[in-house]
Amino acid sequence: MTAQLPLGLRWPRRQRFEHFHAGANAVALAAVQVLATQPGAPWLYLSGATGSGKSHLLMAACQAAHEAGRTVQYLPLKNLREHFMAIRGVAGSQFIAFDDLDALAGEREAEHALFDLYNRARAEGTALIFTAQAVPTQLPLMLPDLRSRLGACTQFALKPLDDGERREVLKQQAALRGIELNESVLDWLFARYARDLGALLDLLDRLDQASLAAQRRVTVPFLRTFLREADHSPH
């Protein structure tokens, strides 16, 4: 198998189950936790828009499966466009996570490779989990048998947190860092910056460091200056 395919087992610190803010996705979260830790659990297919937490759950599942003593592979398909056929070499893992399945749709040979891997995994007792923006019936797949196999997985449509939920998460995470984000700061931030929770939490990490270094509270003027100097133009 090519060295480019699996990521090393250094899962991002924040992308763990305990850092996943479920909102309306609590049932999906529970199902992923079971699949990661209990052999024989139903395979899962998670769909949802960007920012709904699909990759976060996959990373968390991989970490949990690894900690449970299982061998793990995480395949970020949108980053592997030149290496799709290396899927044929994937073998020997007990837990395999396929992220961004949309990227593979329409690639006939890659679809056949995934179909073969699916059948082999079923025979060998390997656990599989998939994510995509669309459900299997809406993916532009060329191989009907692959669509059928993916459709047999237990499916969950993930829903992004709404603005109110994102604000609450951001306020809670800021409080843990000793930062007070008042409503005027949140109003300004949500009006002008990306609303993806991951991007907002990354920004909070940087704000934490900057406010400590400057010995200043996080206010709208401070936030405006910080974003301008960091060359992160608000959306």
Protein backbone atom coordinates (compact mmCIF):
# COMPACT_ATOMS: atom_id res chain seq x y z
CA MET A 1 0.00 0.00 0.00
CA THR A 2 1.25 3.48 -0.76
CA ALA A 3 2.60 5.49 2.14
CA GLN A 4 0.29 8.39 1.29
CA LEU A 5 -2.93 6.61 2.12
CA PRO A 6 -3.32 6.26 5.89
CA LEU A 7 -2.71 9.14 8.24
CA GLY A 8 -0.50 8.44 11.20
CA LEU A 9 -2.24 7.77 14.49
CA ARG A 10 -1.91 11.35 15.67
CA TRP A 11 -5.53 12.36 15.83
CA PRO A 12 -6.21 16.08 16.33
CA ARG A 13 -6.53 16.96 20.00
CA ARG A 14 -9.86 18.74 19.69
CA GLN A 15 -11.49 16.15 17.42
CA ARG A 16 -12.46 13.73 20.16
CA PHE A 17 -15.88 12.59 21.27
CA GLU A 18 -15.72 14.76 24.39
CA HIS A 19 -15.26 17.84 22.21
CA PHE A 20 -18.13 17.05 19.85
CA HIS A 21 -21.09 19.32 20.51
CA ALA A 22 -23.92 17.07 19.42
CA GLY A 23 -26.92 19.37 19.30
CA ALA A 24 -29.48 17.46 17.24
CA ASN A 25 -26.92 14.74 16.45
CA ALA A 26 -26.90 12.93 19.78
CA VAL A 27 -28.23 9.65 18.36
CA ALA A 28 -25.62 9.68 15.58
CA LEU A 29 -22.87 10.38 18.12
CA ALA A 30 -23.95 7.41 20.23
CA ALA A 31 -23.99 5.11 17.18
CA VAL A 32 -20.47 6.19 16.16
CA GLN A 33 -19.19 5.59 19.69
CA VAL A 34 -20.63 2.07 19.64
CA LEU A 35 -19.12 1.29 16.23
CA ALA A 36 -15.71 2.54 17.34
CA THR A 37 -15.57 0.43 20.48
CA GLN A 38 -17.77 -2.63 19.97
CA PRO A 39 -16.99 -5.23 17.28
CA GLY A 40 -20.03 -6.30 15.33
CA ALA A 41 -21.82 -2.94 15.55
CA PRO A 42 -23.70 -1.76 12.42
CA TRP A 43 -21.65 0.06 9.81
CA LEU A 44 -22.45 3.75 9.48
CA TYR A 45 -22.89 6.31 6.73
CA LEU A 46 -22.92 9.95 7.84
CA SER A 47 -24.11 12.66 5.48
CA GLY A 48 -24.27 16.41 5.96
CA ALA A 49 -23.09 19.78 4.80
CA THR A 50 -19.64 21.20 5.46
CA GLY A 51 -19.41 22.15 9.12
CA SER A 52 -21.87 19.53 10.34
CA GLY A 53 -19.14 17.57 12.15
CA LYS A 54 -18.61 14.58 9.84
CA SER A 55 -14.81 14.63 9.90
CA HIS A 56 -14.79 15.40 13.62
CA LEU A 57 -16.81 12.26 14.33
CA LEU A 58 -14.59 10.15 12.07
CA MET A 59 -11.43 11.38 13.77
CA ALA A 60 -12.97 10.81 17.19
CA ALA A 61 -14.05 7.31 16.17
CA CYS A 62 -10.56 6.48 14.93
CA GLN A 63 -9.03 7.69 18.20
CA ALA A 64 -11.53 5.69 20.27
CA ALA A 65 -11.05 2.56 18.17
CA HIS A 66 -7.27 2.90 18.50
CA GLU A 67 -7.54 3.31 22.27
CA ALA A 68 -9.76 0.20 22.34
CA GLY A 69 -6.85 -1.76 20.85
CA ARG A 70 -8.11 -1.93 17.26
CA THR A 71 -5.98 -1.29 14.19
CA VAL A 72 -7.26 1.78 12.39
CA GLN A 73 -7.04 3.51 9.03
CA TYR A 74 -8.48 6.93 8.16
CA LEU A 75 -8.80 7.73 4.45
CA PRO A 76 -9.46 11.39 3.54
CA LEU A 77 -10.62 10.75 -0.02
CA LYS A 78 -10.75 14.37 -1.17
CA ASN A 79 -7.00 14.54 -0.48
CA LEU A 80 -6.27 11.26 -2.27
CA ARG A 81 -7.47 11.94 -5.81
CA GLU A 82 -4.18 10.71 -7.26
CA HIS A 83 -4.18 7.60 -5.09
CA PHE A 84 -7.72 6.22 -5.24
CA MET A 85 -6.51 2.87 -6.57
CA ALA A 86 -4.42 2.38 -3.46
CA ILE A 87 -7.75 1.43 -1.85
CA ARG A 88 -7.09 -2.01 -3.32
CA GLY A 89 -4.13 -2.30 -0.99
CA VAL A 90 -6.03 -1.44 2.17
CA ALA A 91 -6.11 -4.54 4.30
CA GLY A 92 -5.52 -5.81 7.78
CA SER A 93 -7.19 -3.04 9.78
CA GLN A 94 -10.10 -3.66 12.10
CA PHE A 95 -11.60 -0.18 11.70
CA ILE A 96 -11.54 1.87 8.47
CA ALA A 97 -12.99 5.36 8.10
CA PHE A 98 -13.69 6.82 4.64
CA ASP A 99 -14.08 10.60 4.71
CA ASP A 100 -15.58 12.66 1.85
CA LEU A 101 -16.87 9.77 -0.23
CA ASP A 102 -18.21 12.33 -2.72
CA ALA A 103 -14.66 12.73 -4.08
CA LEU A 104 -14.61 9.14 -5.30
CA ALA A 105 -18.03 9.13 -6.99
CA GLY A 106 -17.80 8.83 -10.76
CA GLU A 107 -14.34 7.22 -10.72
CA ARG A 108 -15.28 3.79 -12.06
CA GLU A 109 -12.11 1.89 -11.10
CA ALA A 110 -12.04 3.48 -7.65
CA GLU A 111 -15.70 2.56 -7.13
CA HIS A 112 -14.93 -1.05 -8.05
CA ALA A 113 -12.00 -1.02 -5.62
CA LEU A 114 -14.22 0.26 -2.82
CA PHE A 115 -16.92 -2.29 -3.69
CA ASP A 116 -14.37 -5.10 -3.42
CA LEU A 117 -13.03 -3.71 -0.14
CA TYR A 118 -16.57 -3.48 1.24
CA ASN A 119 -17.21 -7.15 0.52
CA ARG A 120 -13.83 -8.19 1.90
CA ALA A 121 -14.40 -6.15 5.07
CA ARG A 122 -17.76 -7.83 5.57
CA ALA A 123 -16.16 -11.26 5.29
CA GLU A 124 -13.28 -10.34 7.62
CA GLY A 125 -15.32 -8.54 10.27
CA THR A 126 -13.72 -5.14 9.66
CA ALA A 127 -15.77 -2.13 10.79
CA LEU A 128 -16.45 0.56 8.17
CA ILE A 129 -17.74 4.10 8.48
CA PHE A 130 -18.32 6.55 5.62
CA THR A 131 -19.04 10.26 5.29
CA ALA A 132 -20.28 12.31 2.34
CA GLN A 133 -22.26 15.45 1.77
CA ALA A 134 -25.00 13.46 0.01
CA VAL A 135 -26.85 10.27 0.92
CA PRO A 136 -26.00 7.17 -1.18
CA THR A 137 -29.05 7.56 -3.45
CA GLN A 138 -27.87 11.07 -4.37
CA LEU A 139 -24.20 10.30 -5.00
CA PRO A 140 -23.26 10.28 -8.73
CA LEU A 141 -21.97 6.72 -8.51
CA MET A 142 -21.40 4.68 -11.66
CA LEU A 143 -21.66 1.31 -9.90
CA PRO A 144 -25.22 0.47 -8.77
CA ASP A 145 -23.96 -2.39 -6.59
CA LEU A 146 -21.79 0.04 -4.62
CA ARG A 147 -24.76 2.36 -4.11
CA SER A 148 -26.72 -0.63 -2.82
CA ARG A 149 -23.94 -1.62 -0.40
CA LEU A 150 -23.60 1.91 0.95
CA GLY A 151 -27.36 2.17 1.30
CA ALA A 152 -27.31 -0.90 3.52
CA CYS A 153 -25.33 0.99 6.16
CA THR A 154 -27.14 2.65 9.04
CA GLN A 155 -27.49 6.25 7.90
CA PHE A 156 -27.53 9.53 9.79
CA ALA A 157 -27.98 13.01 8.31
CA LEU A 158 -25.94 15.34 10.52
CA LYS A 159 -27.32 18.80 11.22
CA PRO A 160 -24.96 21.73 11.85
CA LEU A 161 -25.38 23.61 15.10
CA ASP A 162 -27.51 26.70 14.70
CA ASP A 163 -26.16 30.16 15.52
CA GLY A 164 -27.54 30.08 19.05
CA GLU A 165 -25.86 26.74 19.77
CA ARG A 166 -22.57 27.94 18.26
CA ARG A 167 -22.67 31.06 20.40
CA GLU A 168 -23.23 28.99 23.55
CA VAL A 169 -20.37 26.63 22.69
CA LEU A 170 -18.05 29.56 21.98
CA LYS A 171 -18.99 31.28 25.26
CA GLN A 172 -18.44 28.06 27.23
CA GLN A 173 -15.09 27.38 25.60
CA ALA A 174 -14.01 30.99 26.13
CA ALA A 175 -14.99 30.79 29.81
CA LEU A 176 -12.81 27.70 30.22
CA ARG A 177 -9.91 29.83 28.99
CA GLY A 178 -10.78 32.73 31.28
CA ILE A 179 -12.07 34.85 28.39
CA GLU A 180 -15.32 36.78 28.60
CA LEU A 181 -17.06 37.12 25.23
CA ASN A 182 -19.88 39.59 25.66
CA GLU A 183 -22.84 39.76 23.33
CA SER A 184 -21.46 42.70 21.33
CA VAL A 185 -18.26 40.76 20.57
CA LEU A 186 -20.27 37.70 19.54
CA ASP A 187 -22.60 39.82 17.39
CA TRP A 188 -19.64 41.37 15.58
CA LEU A 189 -17.89 38.03 15.17
CA PHE A 190 -20.91 36.18 13.83
CA ALA A 191 -21.70 38.99 11.40
CA ARG A 192 -18.22 39.11 9.90
CA TYR A 193 -16.39 35.82 10.42
CA ALA A 194 -16.86 32.22 9.31
CA ARG A 195 -19.59 30.51 11.31
CA ASP A 196 -18.08 27.02 11.09
CA LEU A 197 -17.58 25.91 14.68
CA GLY A 198 -14.15 24.46 14.02
CA ALA A 199 -12.94 27.74 12.51
CA LEU A 200 -14.44 29.69 15.41
CA LEU A 201 -12.72 27.49 17.99
CA ASP A 202 -9.41 27.79 16.14
CA LEU A 203 -9.85 31.55 16.22
CA LEU A 204 -10.60 31.37 19.95
CA ASP A 205 -7.29 29.55 20.53
CA ARG A 206 -5.42 32.31 18.72
CA LEU A 207 -7.36 35.04 20.52
CA ASP A 208 -6.51 33.43 23.84
CA GLN A 209 -2.79 33.63 23.09
CA ALA A 210 -3.00 37.16 21.68
CA SER A 211 -5.03 38.57 24.56
CA LEU A 212 -2.67 37.04 27.10
CA ALA A 213 0.35 38.44 25.28
CA ALA A 214 -1.22 41.89 25.05
CA GLN A 215 -2.78 41.72 28.53
CA ARG A 216 -6.04 42.95 27.03
CA ARG A 217 -9.66 41.88 27.16
CA VAL A 218 -11.26 40.58 23.98
CA THR A 219 -13.32 43.53 22.77
CA VAL A 220 -14.59 44.45 19.32
CA PRO A 221 -11.65 46.85 18.66
CA PHE A 222 -9.18 44.20 19.84
CA LEU A 223 -10.84 41.56 17.68
CA ARG A 224 -10.89 43.85 14.63
CA THR A 225 -7.20 44.68 15.04
CA PHE A 226 -6.27 41.06 15.67
CA LEU A 227 -8.01 39.80 12.54
CA ARG A 228 -6.53 42.55 10.39
CA GLU A 229 -3.00 41.91 11.65
CA ALA A 230 -3.42 38.14 11.33
CA ASP A 231 -4.52 38.67 7.71
CA HIS A 232 -7.78 36.86 8.36
CA SER A 233 -10.23 39.16 6.69
CA PRO A 234 -13.74 38.74 8.09
CA HIS A 235 -16.25 37.20 5.72
